[in-house]
Each structure stands twice: as structure tokens, then as C-alpha cells.
Protein backbone atom coordinates (compact mmCIF):
# COMPACT_ATOMS: atom_id res chain seq x y z
CA MET A 1 62.00 82.03 60.47
CA ALA A 2 63.28 84.68 62.98
CA LYS A 3 61.01 87.64 63.52
CA PRO A 4 62.59 91.30 62.81
CA LEU A 5 64.27 92.50 66.19
CA ILE A 6 63.73 95.88 67.81
CA ALA A 7 66.16 96.54 70.66
CA LEU A 8 65.17 98.88 73.40
CA ALA A 9 67.62 100.33 75.74
CA ALA A 10 66.67 101.82 78.97
CA GLY A 11 68.20 102.95 82.50
CA GLY A 12 67.83 100.91 85.33
CA THR A 13 64.73 102.41 87.11
CA GLY A 14 60.79 102.15 86.46
CA GLY A 15 60.75 105.27 84.95
CA HIS A 16 62.89 104.16 81.92
CA ILE A 17 61.63 100.38 82.39
CA PHE A 18 58.36 100.67 82.14
CA PRO A 19 57.69 102.78 79.31
CA ALA A 20 60.04 100.58 77.49
CA LEU A 21 58.12 97.34 78.55
CA ALA A 22 54.64 99.15 77.24
CA ILE A 23 56.65 99.78 73.59
CA ALA A 24 58.11 96.38 73.73
CA GLU A 25 54.30 94.80 74.39
CA THR A 26 53.25 96.37 71.52
CA LEU A 27 55.78 95.60 68.95
CA ARG A 28 55.87 91.90 69.90
CA ASP A 29 51.82 91.89 69.61
CA ASN A 30 52.48 92.94 65.89
CA GLY A 31 54.91 90.51 64.99
CA PHE A 32 58.27 91.81 66.19
CA ASP A 33 61.19 90.03 68.70
CA THR A 34 62.49 92.75 71.01
CA LEU A 35 65.50 92.54 73.43
CA MET A 36 65.93 94.71 76.19
CA LEU A 37 69.30 96.49 77.17
CA THR A 38 69.76 97.64 80.25
CA ASP A 39 71.91 96.93 83.52
CA ARG A 40 71.35 94.74 86.83
CA ARG A 41 69.01 96.89 88.34
CA GLY A 42 66.43 97.32 85.47
CA ALA A 43 66.55 93.30 84.77
CA ARG A 44 64.89 92.84 88.09
CA LEU A 45 61.66 94.68 86.68
CA ILE A 46 61.53 92.95 83.21
CA PRO A 47 59.46 89.81 83.41
CA ASP A 48 60.97 87.73 81.06
CA ALA A 49 64.26 86.41 79.35
CA ARG A 50 64.18 89.12 76.63
CA ARG A 51 66.73 91.01 77.98
CA MET A 52 70.47 91.62 77.73
CA VAL A 53 72.15 92.95 80.92
CA LEU A 54 74.98 95.36 80.49
CA PRO A 55 77.55 96.56 82.91
CA ALA A 56 76.64 100.38 83.81
CA GLU A 57 77.80 102.93 86.42
CA SER A 58 76.92 106.57 86.49
CA PRO A 59 79.78 108.63 84.97
CA PHE A 60 78.42 111.71 86.56
CA GLN A 61 80.85 111.22 89.59
CA ARG A 62 83.28 113.48 91.48
CA ASN A 63 85.40 110.66 92.54
CA VAL A 64 88.45 110.06 90.26
CA LEU A 65 88.24 106.26 90.68
CA ARG A 66 84.35 105.71 90.05
CA CYS A 67 84.89 108.01 87.16
CA LEU A 68 87.24 105.58 85.69
CA ARG A 69 85.13 102.40 86.36
CA ALA A 70 82.20 104.32 84.70
CA ILE A 71 84.28 104.67 81.30
CA ALA A 72 85.23 100.98 81.52
CA ALA A 73 81.79 100.11 81.84
CA LEU A 74 80.64 102.38 78.75
CA GLY A 75 83.23 100.54 76.89
CA ALA A 76 82.26 97.26 77.45
CA ALA A 77 78.27 98.12 77.35
CA THR A 78 79.05 99.53 73.84
CA LEU A 79 81.34 96.44 72.61
CA ALA A 80 78.96 94.17 73.74
CA THR A 81 76.07 96.01 71.86
CA LEU A 82 78.63 95.92 68.90
CA VAL A 83 78.69 92.13 69.02
CA LEU A 84 74.75 91.75 69.62
CA ILE A 85 74.20 94.15 66.57
CA ALA A 86 76.58 92.28 64.33
CA ARG A 87 75.12 89.10 65.39
CA ARG A 88 71.39 89.78 65.37
CA ARG A 89 71.35 92.90 63.17
CA PRO A 90 68.12 94.71 64.85
CA CYS A 91 65.90 97.06 62.55
CA VAL A 92 66.18 99.89 64.71
CA MET A 93 67.18 100.84 68.26
CA ILE A 94 64.67 102.70 71.02
CA GLY A 95 66.59 104.77 73.73
CA PHE A 96 64.74 105.85 77.09
CA GLY A 97 67.72 107.64 78.78
CA GLY A 98 69.59 106.63 81.95
CA TYR A 99 72.96 106.48 81.52
CA PRO A 100 72.84 102.27 80.76
CA ALA A 101 71.40 103.32 77.38
CA PHE A 102 74.24 105.47 76.51
CA GLY A 103 76.60 102.19 75.18
CA PRO A 104 73.93 100.73 73.43
CA LEU A 105 72.77 104.12 71.58
CA LEU A 106 76.72 104.96 71.04
CA ALA A 107 76.81 101.26 69.37
CA ALA A 108 73.97 102.06 66.94
CA ARG A 109 75.61 105.42 65.94
CA LEU A 110 78.95 103.47 65.31
CA THR A 111 77.03 101.20 63.00
CA ALA A 112 74.73 103.28 61.28
CA THR A 113 71.76 101.54 63.00
CA PRO A 114 68.76 103.57 62.80
CA ALA A 115 67.78 104.77 66.22
CA LEU A 116 64.99 106.80 68.23
CA LEU A 117 65.27 108.50 71.67
CA HIS A 118 62.12 108.64 74.14
CA GLU A 119 61.77 111.42 76.89
CA GLN A 120 59.50 110.80 79.59
CA ASN A 121 60.09 113.73 81.69
CA ALA A 122 59.28 117.32 81.04
CA VAL A 123 62.81 118.26 80.90
CA LEU A 124 65.05 116.32 78.78
CA GLY A 125 67.90 114.13 80.74
CA ARG A 126 71.26 114.31 80.49
CA THR A 127 72.02 111.12 78.79
CA ASN A 128 69.36 111.87 75.97
CA ARG A 129 70.59 115.46 75.97
CA MET A 130 74.29 113.82 75.19
CA LEU A 131 72.55 111.63 72.31
CA ALA A 132 69.82 114.08 71.07
CA ARG A 133 71.55 115.54 68.16
CA SER A 134 73.69 112.47 67.09
CA THR A 135 70.36 110.30 67.18
CA GLY A 136 68.42 113.02 65.48
CA TYR A 137 64.84 111.99 66.32
CA LEU A 138 63.36 112.18 69.60
CA ALA A 139 59.80 111.64 71.06
CA ILE A 140 58.60 113.41 73.96
CA SER A 141 55.94 113.12 76.22
CA TRP A 142 54.73 116.66 77.25
CA ALA A 143 54.37 119.69 74.85
CA ASP A 144 56.81 122.32 76.60
CA THR A 145 59.67 119.70 77.12
CA SER A 146 62.85 121.70 77.63
CA ASN A 147 66.62 121.59 77.29
CA VAL A 148 65.74 120.11 73.72
CA PRO A 149 68.81 120.60 71.41
CA ASP A 150 68.05 122.56 68.15
CA GLY A 151 68.02 120.56 65.09
CA VAL A 152 66.61 117.44 66.40
CA ILE A 153 63.07 116.52 64.94
CA THR A 154 60.74 115.70 67.60
CA ARG A 155 57.25 114.82 67.84
CA ARG A 156 54.99 114.72 71.07
CA LEU A 157 53.58 110.96 71.05
CA GLY A 158 52.94 110.86 74.95
CA MET A 159 53.79 108.69 77.71
CA PRO A 160 53.45 104.59 77.25
CA VAL A 161 52.03 102.87 79.76
CA ARG A 162 51.01 99.18 80.17
CA THR A 163 47.66 98.37 78.50
CA ALA A 164 46.27 97.14 82.47
CA PHE A 165 46.64 100.67 83.38
CA LEU A 166 44.45 102.35 80.56
CA ASP A 167 41.63 99.14 81.10
CA ILE A 168 41.02 100.37 84.74
CA PRO A 169 37.31 101.93 85.03
CA PRO A 170 36.90 105.44 86.05
CA ALA A 171 37.02 106.24 89.57
CA THR A 172 33.49 106.37 91.45
CA ALA A 173 32.54 107.71 95.11
CA PRO A 174 33.04 105.06 97.79
CA LYS A 175 30.13 102.50 97.98
CA ASP A 176 30.79 102.05 101.58
CA ASP A 177 32.60 103.91 104.67
CA SER A 178 36.05 102.56 103.28
CA ILE A 179 38.36 104.70 101.93
CA ALA A 180 41.44 103.24 99.99
CA LEU A 181 44.58 105.57 100.06
CA SER A 182 47.74 104.32 98.35
CA VAL A 183 51.49 105.88 98.89
CA VAL A 184 53.81 105.08 96.09
CA GLY A 185 57.27 106.52 95.99
CA GLY A 186 58.77 105.15 92.55
CA SER A 187 60.81 101.86 92.01
CA LEU A 188 63.39 103.08 94.20
CA GLY A 189 60.71 103.90 97.25
CA ALA A 190 60.33 107.11 99.14
CA MET A 191 62.12 107.17 102.37
CA VAL A 192 59.95 110.59 103.11
CA PHE A 193 56.81 109.10 103.11
CA ALA A 194 57.69 106.37 105.83
CA ASP A 195 57.80 109.35 108.23
CA LEU A 196 55.67 112.01 106.88
CA VAL A 197 52.52 110.00 105.68
CA PRO A 198 51.81 108.26 109.07
CA ASP A 199 52.76 111.73 110.92
CA ALA A 200 49.94 113.02 108.86
CA ILE A 201 47.45 110.10 109.54
CA SER A 202 47.96 110.39 113.24
CA HIS A 203 46.69 114.32 113.11
CA LEU A 204 43.53 112.97 111.24
CA ASP A 205 39.95 112.80 113.00
CA VAL A 206 39.50 109.35 114.58
CA ALA A 207 36.26 108.44 112.48
CA LEU A 208 38.16 109.37 109.41
CA ARG A 209 40.92 107.46 110.17
CA ARG A 210 39.22 104.25 111.22
CA ARG A 211 37.54 104.51 107.52
CA LEU A 212 40.99 104.37 105.94
CA THR A 213 42.78 101.29 103.98
CA ILE A 214 46.44 102.08 103.28
CA THR A 215 48.43 100.62 100.69
CA GLN A 216 52.35 101.94 101.06
CA GLN A 217 55.47 101.46 99.43
CA CYS A 218 58.63 101.68 101.64
CA ARG A 219 62.04 100.61 101.68
CA THR A 220 62.64 96.91 103.67
CA ASP A 221 64.18 98.44 106.51
CA GLN A 222 61.34 100.69 106.98
CA GLN A 223 58.41 97.94 106.44
CA ALA A 224 57.99 96.22 110.05
CA ALA A 225 58.22 99.81 112.17
CA LEU A 226 55.80 101.48 109.34
CA ALA A 227 53.62 98.52 109.82
CA ALA A 228 53.36 98.79 113.31
CA ARG A 229 52.80 102.39 113.28
CA TYR A 230 49.51 102.08 111.54
CA ASP A 231 48.70 99.25 113.79
CA ALA A 232 49.05 101.43 116.73
CA MET A 233 46.84 103.72 115.14
CA GLY A 234 43.94 101.06 114.53
CA VAL A 235 44.75 101.74 110.67
CA ARG A 236 44.24 98.96 108.09
CA ALA A 237 47.57 99.14 105.83
CA ASP A 238 49.33 96.55 103.36
CA ILE A 239 52.90 97.95 103.77
CA ARG A 240 55.30 96.40 101.01
CA PRO A 241 58.57 97.26 99.17
CA PHE A 242 57.52 96.47 95.65
CA PHE A 243 53.93 96.27 94.25
CA ASP A 244 53.86 94.06 91.00
CA ASP A 245 50.15 94.52 90.74
CA MET A 246 50.05 98.33 90.70
CA PRO A 247 47.12 98.51 88.18
CA ARG A 248 44.97 96.61 91.00
CA ILE A 249 46.35 98.83 93.53
CA LEU A 250 45.38 102.11 91.51
CA ALA A 251 42.01 100.73 90.35
CA ASP A 252 40.99 100.14 93.96
CA SER A 253 42.62 103.69 95.06
CA LYS A 254 40.31 106.89 95.85
CA LEU A 255 43.27 109.08 96.57
CA VAL A 256 46.96 108.67 95.87
CA ILE A 257 50.07 109.93 97.43
CA SER A 258 53.04 109.84 95.10
CA ARG A 259 56.57 110.92 93.87
CA ALA A 260 56.21 112.72 90.33
CA GLY A 261 58.65 110.69 88.22
CA ALA A 262 57.38 110.44 84.80
CA SER A 263 56.03 106.58 84.99
CA SER A 264 54.03 107.71 88.14
CA VAL A 265 52.26 110.52 86.64
CA ALA A 266 51.37 108.86 83.39
CA GLU A 267 50.19 105.83 85.50
CA LEU A 268 47.93 108.27 87.30
CA ALA A 269 46.59 109.94 84.32
CA ALA A 270 45.84 106.44 82.55
CA ALA A 271 43.98 105.36 85.41
CA GLY A 272 42.36 108.58 86.06
CA ARG A 273 43.39 108.66 89.68
CA PRO A 274 43.53 111.77 91.61
CA ALA A 275 46.75 112.26 93.51
CA LEU A 276 48.94 114.51 95.99
CA LEU A 277 52.02 114.75 94.17
CA VAL A 278 55.45 115.34 96.31
CA PRO A 279 58.11 115.78 93.84
CA PHE A 280 61.64 114.49 94.62
CA GLY A 281 63.70 117.60 95.57
CA GLY A 282 66.95 116.08 94.09
CA ALA A 283 65.75 114.96 90.84
CA MET A 284 67.86 116.17 88.08
CA ASP A 285 66.74 119.66 86.64
CA ASP A 286 63.98 119.45 89.23
CA HIS A 287 62.17 117.68 86.64
CA GLN A 288 59.54 115.75 89.00
CA THR A 289 58.21 119.38 89.63
CA ARG A 290 57.71 120.12 85.97
CA ASN A 291 56.27 116.64 85.65
CA ALA A 292 53.77 117.15 88.49
CA GLN A 293 52.75 120.68 87.18
CA GLN A 294 51.41 118.87 84.24
CA LEU A 295 48.74 117.39 86.11
CA GLU A 296 48.04 119.83 88.44
CA ALA A 297 47.39 122.41 85.68
CA ILE A 298 44.69 120.22 84.28
CA GLY A 299 43.02 119.59 87.80
CA GLY A 300 43.87 115.98 88.20
CA GLY A 301 46.02 116.70 91.09
CA LEU A 302 48.06 118.77 93.60
CA CYS A 303 51.93 119.53 93.59
CA LEU A 304 53.43 119.69 97.35
CA ALA A 305 56.81 120.90 97.52
CA GLU A 306 58.66 118.44 99.83
CA SER A 307 60.75 121.17 101.10
CA CYS A 308 57.85 122.86 102.96
CA LEU A 309 55.58 120.29 103.45
CA THR A 310 54.67 119.37 107.03
CA ALA A 311 52.62 116.65 108.62
CA SER A 312 50.24 118.72 109.38
CA ALA A 313 49.65 120.51 106.11
CA LEU A 314 49.35 116.90 104.36
CA ALA A 315 46.62 116.13 106.94
CA THR A 316 44.86 119.21 105.95
CA HIS A 317 44.91 118.08 102.57
CA LEU A 318 43.83 114.72 103.07
CA THR A 319 41.08 115.83 105.28
CA THR A 320 39.96 118.23 102.65
CA LEU A 321 39.77 115.78 99.59
CA LEU A 322 38.81 112.53 101.35
CA GLY A 323 35.75 114.52 102.57
CA ASP A 324 34.71 115.66 99.18
CA PRO A 325 33.93 112.36 97.17
CA ALA A 326 32.71 114.73 93.95
CA ARG A 327 36.03 116.61 93.92
CA LEU A 328 38.07 113.29 94.04
CA CYS A 329 36.08 112.19 90.90
CA ALA A 330 36.22 115.35 89.12
CA MET A 331 39.97 115.07 89.65
CA GLY A 332 40.10 111.55 88.59
CA LYS A 333 38.35 112.60 85.29
CA ALA A 334 40.71 115.52 84.85
CA ALA A 335 43.90 113.31 85.21
CA ARG A 336 42.57 111.12 82.56
CA SER A 337 42.39 113.91 80.17
CA LEU A 338 45.94 114.00 80.19
CA ALA A 339 46.35 110.09 78.98
CA ALA A 340 48.28 109.64 75.88
CA THR A 341 46.27 106.30 75.33
CA ASP A 342 48.00 105.52 71.92
CA ALA A 343 51.58 106.53 72.92
CA ALA A 344 52.92 103.05 72.76
CA THR A 345 51.70 102.61 69.45
CA ALA A 346 52.55 105.76 67.84
CA ILE A 347 56.27 105.52 69.24
CA ALA A 348 56.64 102.15 67.90
CA ASN A 349 55.21 102.95 64.46
CA TRP A 350 57.71 106.06 64.50
CA ALA A 351 60.78 103.79 65.21
CA LEU A 352 59.51 101.41 62.49
CA GLU A 353 59.16 104.42 60.16
CA ILE A 354 62.59 105.66 61.34
CA GLY A 355 64.18 102.17 60.62
CA GLN A 356 62.17 101.88 57.26
CA VAL A 357 60.61 98.70 58.39
CA THR A 358 57.77 97.38 55.68
CA ASP A 359 55.52 94.51 55.52
CA LYS A 360 58.10 93.32 52.97
CA THR A 361 60.86 93.54 55.36
CA ARG A 362 58.74 91.54 57.98
CA ASN A 363 57.86 88.79 55.51
CA ALA A 364 61.17 88.69 54.49
CA ALA A 365 62.68 87.84 58.07
């Protein structure tokens, strides 16, 4: 007997995909089938076959040809989702923003399929902004989320993360001389960190530098050069383009240098790890700065503007924090207070409520 299907539509970056995966995990644990709708980029981040890859291109282009291609991709994605809805009749669709989610949510609207949007950032993204009124329901992660249209029913339910992050033990002072420092830049990587962080490490006192073990995400074309720089400084380093064991890495970390995407901030909060957050200046509506300020406001991290951050200034922050284990532990505890530990369950339950999914519905499937 087939299980009731819940469709989840998400953009192709980790910031959209990871919260969708967390909710999908919760739904499957409660007896539902799930299907992720995303583009090729997002499909690479989904570990199993429960996905449908849709054509997608950003419509926010100045190039006329690219705009036409984006419109064609939107039409194809909408049509493919209409066929899916006709064949499998999902009970409800949950959208997580990003332009690849637009076509599926449009198809849901055209077929009167119940839908719920989730916004990860402290500023409502463009796709969710365009869909919010027609969808009618929006789950937000932060109390002061901006750009929400009037008339939309909202609930602050938090940012879902995978259970592996919630299971990380609280931060403790280093038991030996070694200090684990992690540097992550989101699923697309942070090119600026490949220059800025090793420059900052070179400014540190030699004794502190020798205590460091650095785990850093970088672009593939930067990996060899970055590893060589740390090796020349005598610093132990694990350099990779992508980490599929992020819960373990955060569990081992005493301090994290990170971008401030919504997933990154939520995972840091769930793990209870202090962070130096460097928001990506090119983020739409400067939403990463708003995200970082949420963590900074409760004492769980520092928000450092990239435009005025130098290697010397970063080295000063590192020296101050790494030399004060008690402060790091206090920051980690503060960060954890921001975690929404039941976000995935709360969002899943609201989606089922919107879709009018009852125990009778489940048993009849």
C-alpha cells in the first residue's frame, strides 16, 4: 500500500536543500513518502533517489537570451510538476525558496494542491516573496523576518537542521594543547577565506599557530596551494572542497570561521559552537548580515564585515578568543540557546495541517 506523498521544492544550494532534507527525514520517520524537487546542483546534495531533477535557470538576468532560457526552463519545470501531481497526487507541497522551487509551487497553485513556504533567512527571499501571497502560508526562522507581504499567515517555527547536529555534545575547554579551528564557506565555498585565513594565521604567535589543527573548505582549484601554505607554516590542516561529515567537524571544533547563510548559522546554533561570521557581501538584500546579527545579538558569535576585515584584524580576534577557553564555552552555550530543536517537526506538522492530512488519510493510502 503506497504511503502518502509530500513534495518538497528547493533551490540548488545547501541553504535551501539542507532544511528540506531535515523535514523530509522527519516526515519519513512518521510514515510518509517524500520527493525532493530541485535542479542539478541540488540533486548532488541529496543522498538518495527520492528526488526529481527539474530544469532551472535564474530569471534575474540582464541578458535577454538567458532570460528567455530561464522562462523556457520555468515552463518545463512547471509542466513536469503538473504531470507529477496528476500521477502521484501529493498531499501537500513545501517550498524552500530558490528559483528552482518556483515552477513546482506554480504547479501546486494551478492544481489547488495545498502548499507551505519556509524562509530560512532573516530577509524574505525573492522567490518566496513572489509566491507568498498566492501560497498564503509562510513558516519563518527569525522573529523579525522582513519583506513579508501583508495578508500572509506566518508562524515562527525556526530553522530545521539534521538530527546529527542536535546530538552534538556541548562545547568544552580543550583537554590538551591542540585547538581545532574550522573554516567553512557554505556549499559553494568561500573563495575569500582561501587568502584571508592563512594570511591571518601567519600573523599569529608561533606558539599558538603550532597548537592549531585547521579544517577548511575551499574551491577545488585552491586546494593544493592552500594546503601548501599551511604546510609551510607548520600548521596541521585538512583541506577539502566539500565536507559530508559536517556534524563531526563541528563537534570537534573549538571555534568556527564561517559565512552566514541560514543553514550555517542554524547548524552552529544546534551544535553550540562559537563563530566568527563573515557575511557574503553580495547576498540578496544583505540577508547574511541579518542572519549573523541574530547570533551576535545573543553572544554566540561575532559579525565581521568582509569589506573592512583584514588579516591582521582577523588574527587579533583569533588570538583573543583562542586564548580564552571560558569565553569560547560561554559563546557556544549562548549559540545553542538560538537553536530551534523541534523546527523540523513543527514545520512538518503545519504542512500536514494545511494539507488536511489525518490519521485516516494515512491509513487509507
